Amino acid sequence: MKLALTLTYAAIAVYFYFTGNQGLAALFVMAALFIGFAIVRQG
């Protein structure tokens, strides 16, 4: 579930980036990185 959420947030970040909303893109990138970090450090 965490992995799926990470990929979903990454996809949303890409969408916002290419639609010109860099602020929201950065926000979802940070969220994806945070969850990815949790997967690695918490298993």
PDB file of all heavy atoms in Angstrom:
ATOM      1  N   MET A   1       0.834  -1.202   0.000  1.00  0.00           N
ATOM      2  CA  MET A   1       0.000   0.000   0.000  1.00  0.00           C
ATOM      3  C   MET A   1       0.868   1.251   0.000  1.00  0.00           C
ATOM      4  O   MET A   1       0.587   2.218  -0.712  1.00  0.00           O
ATOM      5  CB  MET A   1      -0.923  -0.015   1.226  1.00  0.00           C
ATOM      6  CG  MET A   1      -2.065  -1.016   1.129  1.00  0.00           C
ATOM      7  SD  MET A   1      -3.109  -1.048   2.600  1.00  0.00           S
ATOM      8  CE  MET A   1      -3.812   0.599   2.531  1.00  0.00           C
ATOM      9  N   LYS A   2       1.927   1.223   0.798  1.00  0.00           N
ATOM     10  CA  LYS A   2       2.842   2.371   0.830  1.00  0.00           C
ATOM     11  C   LYS A   2       3.518   2.568  -0.517  1.00  0.00           C
ATOM     12  O   LYS A   2       3.670   3.690  -0.989  1.00  0.00           O
ATOM     13  CB  LYS A   2       3.891   2.171   1.925  1.00  0.00           C
ATOM     14  CG  LYS A   2       3.378   2.314   3.341  1.00  0.00           C
ATOM     15  CD  LYS A   2       4.492   2.088   4.340  1.00  0.00           C
ATOM     16  CE  LYS A   2       4.006   2.221   5.775  1.00  0.00           C
ATOM     17  NZ  LYS A   2       5.089   1.948   6.749  1.00  0.00           N
ATOM     18  N   LEU A   3       3.907   1.457  -1.130  1.00  0.00           N
ATOM     19  CA  LEU A   3       4.559   1.540  -2.435  1.00  0.00           C
ATOM     20  C   LEU A   3       3.596   2.088  -3.478  1.00  0.00           C
ATOM     21  O   LEU A   3       3.968   2.950  -4.289  1.00  0.00           O
ATOM     22  CB  LEU A   3       5.063   0.154  -2.848  1.00  0.00           C
ATOM     23  CG  LEU A   3       5.824   0.079  -4.174  1.00  0.00           C
ATOM     24  CD1 LEU A   3       7.046   0.982  -4.136  1.00  0.00           C
ATOM     25  CD2 LEU A   3       6.234  -1.362  -4.461  1.00  0.00           C
ATOM     26  N   ALA A   4       2.342   1.604  -3.446  1.00  0.00           N
ATOM     27  CA  ALA A   4       1.339   2.083  -4.404  1.00  0.00           C
ATOM     28  C   ALA A   4       1.071   3.568  -4.202  1.00  0.00           C
ATOM     29  O   ALA A   4       0.929   4.331  -5.168  1.00  0.00           O
ATOM     30  CB  ALA A   4       0.040   1.285  -4.228  1.00  0.00           C
ATOM     31  N   LEU A   5       1.032   3.990  -2.931  1.00  0.00           N
ATOM     32  CA  LEU A   5       0.798   5.404  -2.634  1.00  0.00           C
ATOM     33  C   LEU A   5       1.968   6.255  -3.111  1.00  0.00           C
ATOM     34  O   LEU A   5       1.776   7.362  -3.636  1.00  0.00           O
ATOM     35  CB  LEU A   5       0.585   5.583  -1.127  1.00  0.00           C
ATOM     36  CG  LEU A   5       0.026   6.928  -0.654  1.00  0.00           C
ATOM     37  CD1 LEU A   5      -1.313   7.223  -1.309  1.00  0.00           C
ATOM     38  CD2 LEU A   5      -0.113   6.931   0.872  1.00  0.00           C
ATOM     39  N   THR A   6       3.170   5.735  -2.951  1.00  0.00           N
ATOM     40  CA  THR A   6       4.365   6.458  -3.421  1.00  0.00           C
ATOM     41  C   THR A   6       4.306   6.675  -4.925  1.00  0.00           C
ATOM     42  O   THR A   6       4.553   7.787  -5.426  1.00  0.00           O
ATOM     43  CB  THR A   6       5.640   5.665  -3.069  1.00  0.00           C
ATOM     44  OG1 THR A   6       5.716   5.495  -1.658  1.00  0.00           O
ATOM     45  CG2 THR A   6       6.889   6.396  -3.551  1.00  0.00           C
ATOM     46  N   LEU A   7       3.968   5.613  -5.659  1.00  0.00           N
ATOM     47  CA  LEU A   7       3.890   5.724  -7.118  1.00  0.00           C
ATOM     48  C   LEU A   7       2.749   6.638  -7.555  1.00  0.00           C
ATOM     49  O   LEU A   7       2.895   7.401  -8.523  1.00  0.00           O
ATOM     50  CB  LEU A   7       3.698   4.322  -7.722  1.00  0.00           C
ATOM     51  CG  LEU A   7       4.871   3.356  -7.537  1.00  0.00           C
ATOM     52  CD1 LEU A   7       4.507   1.973  -8.060  1.00  0.00           C
ATOM     53  CD2 LEU A   7       6.118   3.895  -8.238  1.00  0.00           C
ATOM     54  N   THR A   8       1.645   6.593  -6.792  1.00  0.00           N
ATOM     55  CA  THR A   8       0.510   7.470  -7.120  1.00  0.00           C
ATOM     56  C   THR A   8       0.895   8.934  -6.941  1.00  0.00           C
ATOM     57  O   THR A   8       0.611   9.779  -7.807  1.00  0.00           O
ATOM     58  CB  THR A   8      -0.699   7.145  -6.218  1.00  0.00           C
ATOM     59  OG1 THR A   8      -1.097   5.787  -6.444  1.00  0.00           O
ATOM     60  CG2 THR A   8      -1.871   8.074  -6.522  1.00  0.00           C
ATOM     61  N   TYR A   9       1.537   9.247  -5.822  1.00  0.00           N
ATOM     62  CA  TYR A   9       1.964  10.627  -5.570  1.00  0.00           C
ATOM     63  C   TYR A   9       2.978  11.081  -6.615  1.00  0.00           C
ATOM     64  O   TYR A   9       2.961  12.240  -7.063  1.00  0.00           O
ATOM     65  CB  TYR A   9       2.569  10.753  -4.182  1.00  0.00           C
ATOM     66  CG  TYR A   9       1.554  10.809  -3.063  1.00  0.00           C
ATOM     67  CD1 TYR A   9       1.961  10.823  -1.730  1.00  0.00           C
ATOM     68  CD2 TYR A   9       0.187  10.854  -3.321  1.00  0.00           C
ATOM     69  CE1 TYR A   9       1.026  10.882  -0.697  1.00  0.00           C
ATOM     70  CE2 TYR A   9      -0.737  10.912  -2.309  1.00  0.00           C
ATOM     71  CZ  TYR A   9      -0.315  10.922  -0.995  1.00  0.00           C
ATOM     72  OH  TYR A   9      -1.238  10.979   0.021  1.00  0.00           O
ATOM     73  N   ALA A  10       3.863  10.181  -7.015  1.00  0.00           N
ATOM     74  CA  ALA A  10       4.853  10.525  -8.035  1.00  0.00           C
ATOM     75  C   ALA A  10       4.164  10.836  -9.360  1.00  0.00           C
ATOM     76  O   ALA A  10       4.533  11.801 -10.055  1.00  0.00           O
ATOM     77  CB  ALA A  10       5.840   9.377  -8.200  1.00  0.00           C
ATOM     78  N   ALA A  11       3.150  10.042  -9.705  1.00  0.00           N
ATOM     79  CA  ALA A  11       2.416  10.276 -10.947  1.00  0.00           C
ATOM     80  C   ALA A  11       1.664  11.604 -10.907  1.00  0.00           C
ATOM     81  O   ALA A  11       1.638  12.354 -11.900  1.00  0.00           O
ATOM     82  CB  ALA A  11       1.435   9.118 -11.191  1.00  0.00           C
ATOM     83  N   ILE A  12       1.068  11.904  -9.744  1.00  0.00           N
ATOM     84  CA  ILE A  12       0.355  13.182  -9.600  1.00  0.00           C
ATOM     85  C   ILE A  12       1.327  14.345  -9.712  1.00  0.00           C
ATOM     86  O   ILE A  12       1.021  15.382 -10.319  1.00  0.00           O
ATOM     87  CB  ILE A  12      -0.379  13.224  -8.241  1.00  0.00           C
ATOM     88  CG1 ILE A  12      -1.509  12.181  -8.223  1.00  0.00           C
ATOM     89  CG2 ILE A  12      -0.949  14.615  -7.978  1.00  0.00           C
ATOM     90  CD1 ILE A  12      -2.184  12.032  -6.874  1.00  0.00           C
ATOM     91  N   ALA A  13       2.531  14.158  -9.136  1.00  0.00           N
ATOM     92  CA  ALA A  13       3.558  15.205  -9.217  1.00  0.00           C
ATOM     93  C   ALA A  13       3.930  15.481 -10.676  1.00  0.00           C
ATOM     94  O   ALA A  13       4.074  16.647 -11.090  1.00  0.00           O
ATOM     95  CB  ALA A  13       4.793  14.784  -8.419  1.00  0.00           C
ATOM     96  N   VAL A  14       4.072  14.409 -11.464  1.00  0.00           N
ATOM     97  CA  VAL A  14       4.402  14.561 -12.887  1.00  0.00           C
ATOM     98  C   VAL A  14       3.280  15.304 -13.611  1.00  0.00           C
ATOM     99  O   VAL A  14       3.527  16.199 -14.435  1.00  0.00           O
ATOM    100  CB  VAL A  14       4.638  13.177 -13.534  1.00  0.00           C
ATOM    101  CG1 VAL A  14       4.745  13.315 -15.060  1.00  0.00           C
ATOM    102  CG2 VAL A  14       5.896  12.538 -12.969  1.00  0.00           C
ATOM    103  N   TYR A  15       2.052  14.960 -13.276  1.00  0.00           N
ATOM    104  CA  TYR A  15       0.900  15.618 -13.914  1.00  0.00           C
ATOM    105  C   TYR A  15       0.909  17.120 -13.637  1.00  0.00           C
ATOM    106  O   TYR A  15       0.767  17.942 -14.555  1.00  0.00           O
ATOM    107  CB  TYR A  15      -0.399  14.996 -13.391  1.00  0.00           C
ATOM    108  CG  TYR A  15      -1.630  15.781 -13.779  1.00  0.00           C
ATOM    109  CD1 TYR A  15      -2.162  15.698 -15.069  1.00  0.00           C
ATOM    110  CD2 TYR A  15      -2.241  16.639 -12.851  1.00  0.00           C
ATOM    111  CE1 TYR A  15      -3.284  16.433 -15.430  1.00  0.00           C
ATOM    112  CE2 TYR A  15      -3.359  17.370 -13.206  1.00  0.00           C
ATOM    113  CZ  TYR A  15      -3.873  17.278 -14.492  1.00  0.00           C
ATOM    114  OH  TYR A  15      -4.976  18.015 -14.843  1.00  0.00           O
ATOM    115  N   PHE A  16       1.073  17.481 -12.364  1.00  0.00           N
ATOM    116  CA  PHE A  16       1.076  18.902 -12.010  1.00  0.00           C
ATOM    117  C   PHE A  16       2.264  19.630 -12.631  1.00  0.00           C
ATOM    118  O   PHE A  16       2.152  20.800 -13.029  1.00  0.00           O
ATOM    119  CB  PHE A  16       1.091  19.069 -10.491  1.00  0.00           C
ATOM    120  CG  PHE A  16      -0.263  18.905  -9.852  1.00  0.00           C
ATOM    121  CD1 PHE A  16      -0.459  17.982  -8.831  1.00  0.00           C
ATOM    122  CD2 PHE A  16      -1.350  19.674 -10.259  1.00  0.00           C
ATOM    123  CE1 PHE A  16      -1.712  17.836  -8.238  1.00  0.00           C
ATOM    124  CE2 PHE A  16      -2.598  19.529  -9.684  1.00  0.00           C
ATOM    125  CZ  PHE A  16      -2.783  18.597  -8.665  1.00  0.00           C
ATOM    126  N   TYR A  17       3.397  18.927 -12.753  1.00  0.00           N
ATOM    127  CA  TYR A  17       4.581  19.565 -13.336  1.00  0.00           C
ATOM    128  C   TYR A  17       4.321  19.940 -14.792  1.00  0.00           C
ATOM    129  O   TYR A  17       4.635  21.058 -15.231  1.00  0.00           O
ATOM    130  CB  TYR A  17       5.783  18.625 -13.234  1.00  0.00           C
ATOM    131  CG  TYR A  17       7.033  19.179 -13.846  1.00  0.00           C
ATOM    132  CD1 TYR A  17       7.815  20.098 -13.149  1.00  0.00           C
ATOM    133  CD2 TYR A  17       7.423  18.809 -15.140  1.00  0.00           C
ATOM    134  CE1 TYR A  17       8.967  20.627 -13.730  1.00  0.00           C
ATOM    135  CE2 TYR A  17       8.562  19.330 -15.714  1.00  0.00           C
ATOM    136  CZ  TYR A  17       9.332  20.246 -15.000  1.00  0.00           C
ATOM    137  OH  TYR A  17      10.467  20.773 -15.574  1.00  0.00           O
ATOM    138  N   PHE A  18       3.743  19.031 -15.529  1.00  0.00           N
ATOM    139  CA  PHE A  18       3.534  19.279 -16.952  1.00  0.00           C
ATOM    140  C   PHE A  18       2.302  20.148 -17.229  1.00  0.00           C
ATOM    141  O   PHE A  18       2.123  20.616 -18.357  1.00  0.00           O
ATOM    142  CB  PHE A  18       3.423  17.955 -17.716  1.00  0.00           C
ATOM    143  CG  PHE A  18       4.741  17.283 -17.921  1.00  0.00           C
ATOM    144  CD1 PHE A  18       5.077  16.149 -17.203  1.00  0.00           C
ATOM    145  CD2 PHE A  18       5.679  17.795 -18.817  1.00  0.00           C
ATOM    146  CE1 PHE A  18       6.308  15.533 -17.383  1.00  0.00           C
ATOM    147  CE2 PHE A  18       6.908  17.194 -19.010  1.00  0.00           C
ATOM    148  CZ  PHE A  18       7.230  16.053 -18.286  1.00  0.00           C
ATOM    149  N   THR A  19       1.479  20.369 -16.205  1.00  0.00           N
ATOM    150  CA  THR A  19       0.347  21.293 -16.384  1.00  0.00           C
ATOM    151  C   THR A  19       0.689  22.674 -15.843  1.00  0.00           C
ATOM    152  O   THR A  19      -0.176  23.548 -15.753  1.00  0.00           O
ATOM    153  CB  THR A  19      -0.913  20.761 -15.679  1.00  0.00           C
ATOM    154  OG1 THR A  19      -0.639  20.513 -14.298  1.00  0.00           O
ATOM    155  CG2 THR A  19      -1.413  19.504 -16.364  1.00  0.00           C
ATOM    156  N   GLY A  20       1.955  22.853 -15.480  1.00  0.00           N
ATOM    157  CA  GLY A  20       2.435  24.166 -15.083  1.00  0.00           C
ATOM    158  C   GLY A  20       2.259  24.522 -13.621  1.00  0.00           C
ATOM    159  O   GLY A  20       2.478  25.675 -13.237  1.00  0.00           O
ATOM    160  N   ASN A  21       1.888  23.581 -12.779  1.00  0.00           N
ATOM    161  CA  ASN A  21       1.713  23.870 -11.356  1.00  0.00           C
ATOM    162  C   ASN A  21       2.882  23.260 -10.585  1.00  0.00           C
ATOM    163  O   ASN A  21       2.778  22.205  -9.962  1.00  0.00           O
ATOM    164  CB  ASN A  21       0.378  23.302 -10.861  1.00  0.00           C
ATOM    165  CG  ASN A  21      -0.027  23.923  -9.533  1.00  0.00           C
ATOM    166  OD1 ASN A  21       0.829  24.273  -8.720  1.00  0.00           O
ATOM    167  ND2 ASN A  21      -1.330  24.035  -9.308  1.00  0.00           N
ATOM    168  N   GLN A  22       4.031  23.969 -10.651  1.00  0.00           N
ATOM    169  CA  GLN A  22       5.247  23.437 -10.030  1.00  0.00           C
ATOM    170  C   GLN A  22       5.144  23.339  -8.495  1.00  0.00           C
ATOM    171  O   GLN A  22       5.756  22.478  -7.876  1.00  0.00           O
ATOM    172  CB  GLN A  22       6.457  24.311 -10.401  1.00  0.00           C
ATOM    173  CG  GLN A  22       7.064  23.991 -11.763  1.00  0.00           C
ATOM    174  CD  GLN A  22       6.197  24.503 -12.905  1.00  0.00           C
ATOM    175  OE1 GLN A  22       5.441  25.461 -12.729  1.00  0.00           O
ATOM    176  NE2 GLN A  22       6.281  23.876 -14.062  1.00  0.00           N
ATOM    177  N   GLY A  23       4.337  24.224  -7.898  1.00  0.00           N
ATOM    178  CA  GLY A  23       4.190  24.204  -6.442  1.00  0.00           C
ATOM    179  C   GLY A  23       3.575  22.896  -5.957  1.00  0.00           C
ATOM    180  O   GLY A  23       4.097  22.247  -5.040  1.00  0.00           O
ATOM    181  N   LEU A  24       2.448  22.510  -6.569  1.00  0.00           N
ATOM    182  CA  LEU A  24       1.808  21.251  -6.192  1.00  0.00           C
ATOM    183  C   LEU A  24       2.664  20.049  -6.595  1.00  0.00           C
ATOM    184  O   LEU A  24       2.688  19.031  -5.892  1.00  0.00           O
ATOM    185  CB  LEU A  24       0.426  21.150  -6.845  1.00  0.00           C
ATOM    186  CG  LEU A  24      -0.686  21.975  -6.181  1.00  0.00           C
ATOM    187  CD1 LEU A  24      -1.976  21.880  -6.990  1.00  0.00           C
ATOM    188  CD2 LEU A  24      -0.923  21.473  -4.751  1.00  0.00           C
ATOM    189  N   ALA A  25       3.363  20.177  -7.714  1.00  0.00           N
ATOM    190  CA  ALA A  25       4.249  19.094  -8.151  1.00  0.00           C
ATOM    191  C   ALA A  25       5.317  18.832  -7.088  1.00  0.00           C
ATOM    192  O   ALA A  25       5.580  17.682  -6.715  1.00  0.00           O
ATOM    193  CB  ALA A  25       4.899  19.440  -9.480  1.00  0.00           C
ATOM    194  N   ALA A  26       5.910  19.915  -6.583  1.00  0.00           N
ATOM    195  CA  ALA A  26       6.944  19.777  -5.549  1.00  0.00           C
ATOM    196  C   ALA A  26       6.371  19.160  -4.279  1.00  0.00           C
ATOM    197  O   ALA A  26       7.018  18.341  -3.618  1.00  0.00           O
ATOM    198  CB  ALA A  26       7.552  21.148  -5.245  1.00  0.00           C
ATOM    199  N   LEU A  27       5.140  19.548  -3.944  1.00  0.00           N
ATOM    200  CA  LEU A  27       4.497  19.021  -2.746  1.00  0.00           C
ATOM    201  C   LEU A  27       4.305  17.506  -2.839  1.00  0.00           C
ATOM    202  O   LEU A  27       4.612  16.763  -1.891  1.00  0.00           O
ATOM    203  CB  LEU A  27       3.139  19.705  -2.548  1.00  0.00           C
ATOM    204  CG  LEU A  27       2.343  19.289  -1.297  1.00  0.00           C
ATOM    205  CD1 LEU A  27       3.103  19.664  -0.032  1.00  0.00           C
ATOM    206  CD2 LEU A  27       0.973  19.956  -1.306  1.00  0.00           C
ATOM    207  N   PHE A  28       3.836  17.035  -3.982  1.00  0.00           N
ATOM    208  CA  PHE A  28       3.608  15.590  -4.142  1.00  0.00           C
ATOM    209  C   PHE A  28       4.919  14.819  -4.273  1.00  0.00           C
ATOM    210  O   PHE A  28       5.005  13.657  -3.863  1.00  0.00           O
ATOM    211  CB  PHE A  28       2.695  15.336  -5.349  1.00  0.00           C
ATOM    212  CG  PHE A  28       1.244  15.486  -5.034  1.00  0.00           C
ATOM    213  CD1 PHE A  28       0.571  16.677  -5.307  1.00  0.00           C
ATOM    214  CD2 PHE A  28       0.539  14.456  -4.419  1.00  0.00           C
ATOM    215  CE1 PHE A  28      -0.778  16.827  -4.996  1.00  0.00           C
ATOM    216  CE2 PHE A  28      -0.811  14.599  -4.115  1.00  0.00           C
ATOM    217  CZ  PHE A  28      -1.481  15.788  -4.389  1.00  0.00           C
ATOM    218  N   VAL A  29       5.939  15.466  -4.829  1.00  0.00           N
ATOM    219  CA  VAL A  29       7.258  14.824  -4.874  1.00  0.00           C
ATOM    220  C   VAL A  29       7.776  14.600  -3.460  1.00  0.00           C
ATOM    221  O   VAL A  29       8.293  13.525  -3.122  1.00  0.00           O
ATOM    222  CB  VAL A  29       8.260  15.680  -5.677  1.00  0.00           C
ATOM    223  CG1 VAL A  29       9.694  15.206  -5.423  1.00  0.00           C
ATOM    224  CG2 VAL A  29       7.949  15.596  -7.162  1.00  0.00           C
ATOM    225  N   MET A  30       7.631  15.618  -2.599  1.00  0.00           N
ATOM    226  CA  MET A  30       8.072  15.499  -1.210  1.00  0.00           C
ATOM    227  C   MET A  30       7.299  14.398  -0.485  1.00  0.00           C
ATOM    228  O   MET A  30       7.873  13.622   0.290  1.00  0.00           O
ATOM    229  CB  MET A  30       7.891  16.832  -0.490  1.00  0.00           C
ATOM    230  CG  MET A  30       8.821  17.942  -0.968  1.00  0.00           C
ATOM    231  SD  MET A  30      10.572  17.529  -0.705  1.00  0.00           S
ATOM    232  CE  MET A  30      10.626  17.508   1.091  1.00  0.00           C
ATOM    233  N   ALA A  31       5.986  14.321  -0.749  1.00  0.00           N
ATOM    234  CA  ALA A  31       5.163  13.285  -0.116  1.00  0.00           C
ATOM    235  C   ALA A  31       5.614  11.893  -0.556  1.00  0.00           C
ATOM    236  O   ALA A  31       5.715  10.968   0.254  1.00  0.00           O
ATOM    237  CB  ALA A  31       3.691  13.498  -0.462  1.00  0.00           C
ATOM    238  N   ALA A  32       5.904  11.750  -1.866  1.00  0.00           N
ATOM    239  CA  ALA A  32       6.356  10.460  -2.382  1.00  0.00           C
ATOM    240  C   ALA A  32       7.699  10.067  -1.779  1.00  0.00           C
ATOM    241  O   ALA A  32       7.918   8.907  -1.402  1.00  0.00           O
ATOM    242  CB  ALA A  32       6.468  10.521  -3.912  1.00  0.00           C
ATOM    243  N   LEU A  33       8.598  11.044  -1.660  1.00  0.00           N
ATOM    244  CA  LEU A  33       9.914  10.771  -1.072  1.00  0.00           C
ATOM    245  C   LEU A  33       9.790  10.381   0.403  1.00  0.00           C
ATOM    246  O   LEU A  33      10.503   9.494   0.887  1.00  0.00           O
ATOM    247  CB  LEU A  33      10.821  11.996  -1.221  1.00  0.00           C
ATOM    248  CG  LEU A  33      11.301  12.299  -2.638  1.00  0.00           C
ATOM    249  CD1 LEU A  33      12.061  13.620  -2.663  1.00  0.00           C
ATOM    250  CD2 LEU A  33      12.176  11.171  -3.168  1.00  0.00           C
ATOM    251  N   PHE A  34       8.891  11.052   1.115  1.00  0.00           N
ATOM    252  CA  PHE A  34       8.697  10.766   2.534  1.00  0.00           C
ATOM    253  C   PHE A  34       8.209   9.328   2.739  1.00  0.00           C
ATOM    254  O   PHE A  34       8.721   8.597   3.590  1.00  0.00           O
ATOM    255  CB  PHE A  34       7.689  11.739   3.135  1.00  0.00           C
ATOM    256  CG  PHE A  34       7.404  11.502   4.586  1.00  0.00           C
ATOM    257  CD1 PHE A  34       8.272  11.956   5.571  1.00  0.00           C
ATOM    258  CD2 PHE A  34       6.267  10.798   4.971  1.00  0.00           C
ATOM    259  CE1 PHE A  34       8.019  11.725   6.911  1.00  0.00           C
ATOM    260  CE2 PHE A  34       5.994  10.561   6.310  1.00  0.00           C
ATOM    261  CZ  PHE A  34       6.879  11.029   7.286  1.00  0.00           C
ATOM    262  N   ILE A  35       7.231   8.909   1.933  1.00  0.00           N
ATOM    263  CA  ILE A  35       6.691   7.554   2.060  1.00  0.00           C
ATOM    264  C   ILE A  35       7.747   6.527   1.626  1.00  0.00           C
ATOM    265  O   ILE A  35       7.910   5.474   2.247  1.00  0.00           O
ATOM    266  CB  ILE A  35       5.406   7.392   1.230  1.00  0.00           C
ATOM    267  CG1 ILE A  35       4.328   8.332   1.750  1.00  0.00           C
ATOM    268  CG2 ILE A  35       4.907   5.949   1.293  1.00  0.00           C
ATOM    269  CD1 ILE A  35       3.086   8.381   0.883  1.00  0.00           C
ATOM    270  N   GLY A  36       8.482   6.853   0.563  1.00  0.00           N
ATOM    271  CA  GLY A  36       9.542   5.959   0.117  1.00  0.00           C
ATOM    272  C   GLY A  36      10.598   5.770   1.182  1.00  0.00           C
ATOM    273  O   GLY A  36      11.092   4.654   1.412  1.00  0.00           O
ATOM    274  N   PHE A  37      10.939   6.858   1.862  1.00  0.00           N
ATOM    275  CA  PHE A  37      11.918   6.791   2.947  1.00  0.00           C
ATOM    276  C   PHE A  37      11.402   5.898   4.075  1.00  0.00           C
ATOM    277  O   PHE A  37      12.150   5.101   4.647  1.00  0.00           O
ATOM    278  CB  PHE A  37      12.192   8.201   3.485  1.00  0.00           C
ATOM    279  CG  PHE A  37      13.208   8.244   4.589  1.00  0.00           C
ATOM    280  CD1 PHE A  37      14.565   8.184   4.312  1.00  0.00           C
ATOM    281  CD2 PHE A  37      12.810   8.348   5.912  1.00  0.00           C
ATOM    282  CE1 PHE A  37      15.507   8.222   5.333  1.00  0.00           C
ATOM    283  CE2 PHE A  37      13.736   8.400   6.937  1.00  0.00           C
ATOM    284  CZ  PHE A  37      15.092   8.337   6.641  1.00  0.00           C
ATOM    285  N   ALA A  38      10.110   6.013   4.367  1.00  0.00           N
ATOM    286  CA  ALA A  38       9.507   5.193   5.430  1.00  0.00           C
ATOM    287  C   ALA A  38       9.557   3.710   5.066  1.00  0.00           C
ATOM    288  O   ALA A  38       9.800   2.864   5.933  1.00  0.00           O
ATOM    289  CB  ALA A  38       8.065   5.626   5.674  1.00  0.00           C
ATOM    290  N   ILE A  39       9.334   3.397   3.783  1.00  0.00           N
ATOM    291  CA  ILE A  39       9.392   2.003   3.343  1.00  0.00           C
ATOM    292  C   ILE A  39      10.777   1.424   3.595  1.00  0.00           C
ATOM    293  O   ILE A  39      10.932   0.303   4.092  1.00  0.00           O
ATOM    294  CB  ILE A  39       9.034   1.889   1.845  1.00  0.00           C
ATOM    295  CG1 ILE A  39       7.558   2.231   1.619  1.00  0.00           C
ATOM    296  CG2 ILE A  39       9.324   0.486   1.323  1.00  0.00           C
ATOM    297  CD1 ILE A  39       7.171   2.312   0.156  1.00  0.00           C
ATOM    298  N   VAL A  40      11.793   2.203   3.264  1.00  0.00           N
ATOM    299  CA  VAL A  40      13.173   1.738   3.407  1.00  0.00           C
ATOM    300  C   VAL A  40      13.562   1.619   4.880  1.00  0.00           C
ATOM    301  O   VAL A  40      14.168   0.628   5.302  1.00  0.00           O
ATOM    302  CB  VAL A  40      14.140   2.689   2.675  1.00  0.00           C
ATOM    303  CG1 VAL A  40      15.590   2.346   2.992  1.00  0.00           C
ATOM    304  CG2 VAL A  40      13.898   2.627   1.172  1.00  0.00           C
ATOM    305  N   ARG A  41      13.213   2.626   5.694  1.00  0.00           N
ATOM    306  CA  ARG A  41      13.686   2.687   7.079  1.00  0.00           C
ATOM    307  C   ARG A  41      12.817   1.926   8.078  1.00  0.00           C
ATOM    308  O   ARG A  41      13.268   1.596   9.165  1.00  0.00           O
ATOM    309  CB  ARG A  41      13.782   4.154   7.516  1.00  0.00           C
ATOM    310  CG  ARG A  41      14.774   4.969   6.723  1.00  0.00           C
ATOM    311  CD  ARG A  41      16.196   4.542   6.983  1.00  0.00           C
ATOM    312  NE  ARG A  41      16.709   5.112   8.211  1.00  0.00           N
ATOM    313  CZ  ARG A  41      17.879   4.801   8.763  1.00  0.00           C
ATOM    314  NH1 ARG A  41      18.627   3.860   8.216  1.00  0.00           N
ATOM    315  NH2 ARG A  41      18.288   5.390   9.875  1.00  0.00           N
ATOM    316  N   GLN A  42      11.565   1.628   7.688  1.00  0.00           N
ATOM    317  CA  GLN A  42      10.662   0.950   8.610  1.00  0.00           C
ATOM    318  C   GLN A  42      10.271  -0.450   8.161  1.00  0.00           C
ATOM    319  O   GLN A  42       9.912  -1.278   8.997  1.00  0.00           O
ATOM    320  CB  GLN A  42       9.398   1.789   8.811  1.00  0.00           C
ATOM    321  CG  GLN A  42       9.655   3.150   9.414  1.00  0.00           C
ATOM    322  CD  GLN A  42       8.392   4.003   9.475  1.00  0.00           C
ATOM    323  OE1 GLN A  42       7.294   3.522   9.178  1.00  0.00           O
ATOM    324  NE2 GLN A  42       8.537   5.257   9.852  1.00  0.00           N
ATOM    325  N   GLY A  43      10.339  -0.729   6.859  1.00  0.00           N
ATOM    326  CA  GLY A  43       9.964  -2.034   6.363  1.00  0.00           C
ATOM    327  C   GLY A  43       8.545  -2.409   6.785  1.00  0.00           C
ATOM    328  O   GLY A  43       7.655  -1.570   6.853  1.00  0.00           O
TER     329      GLY A  43
END
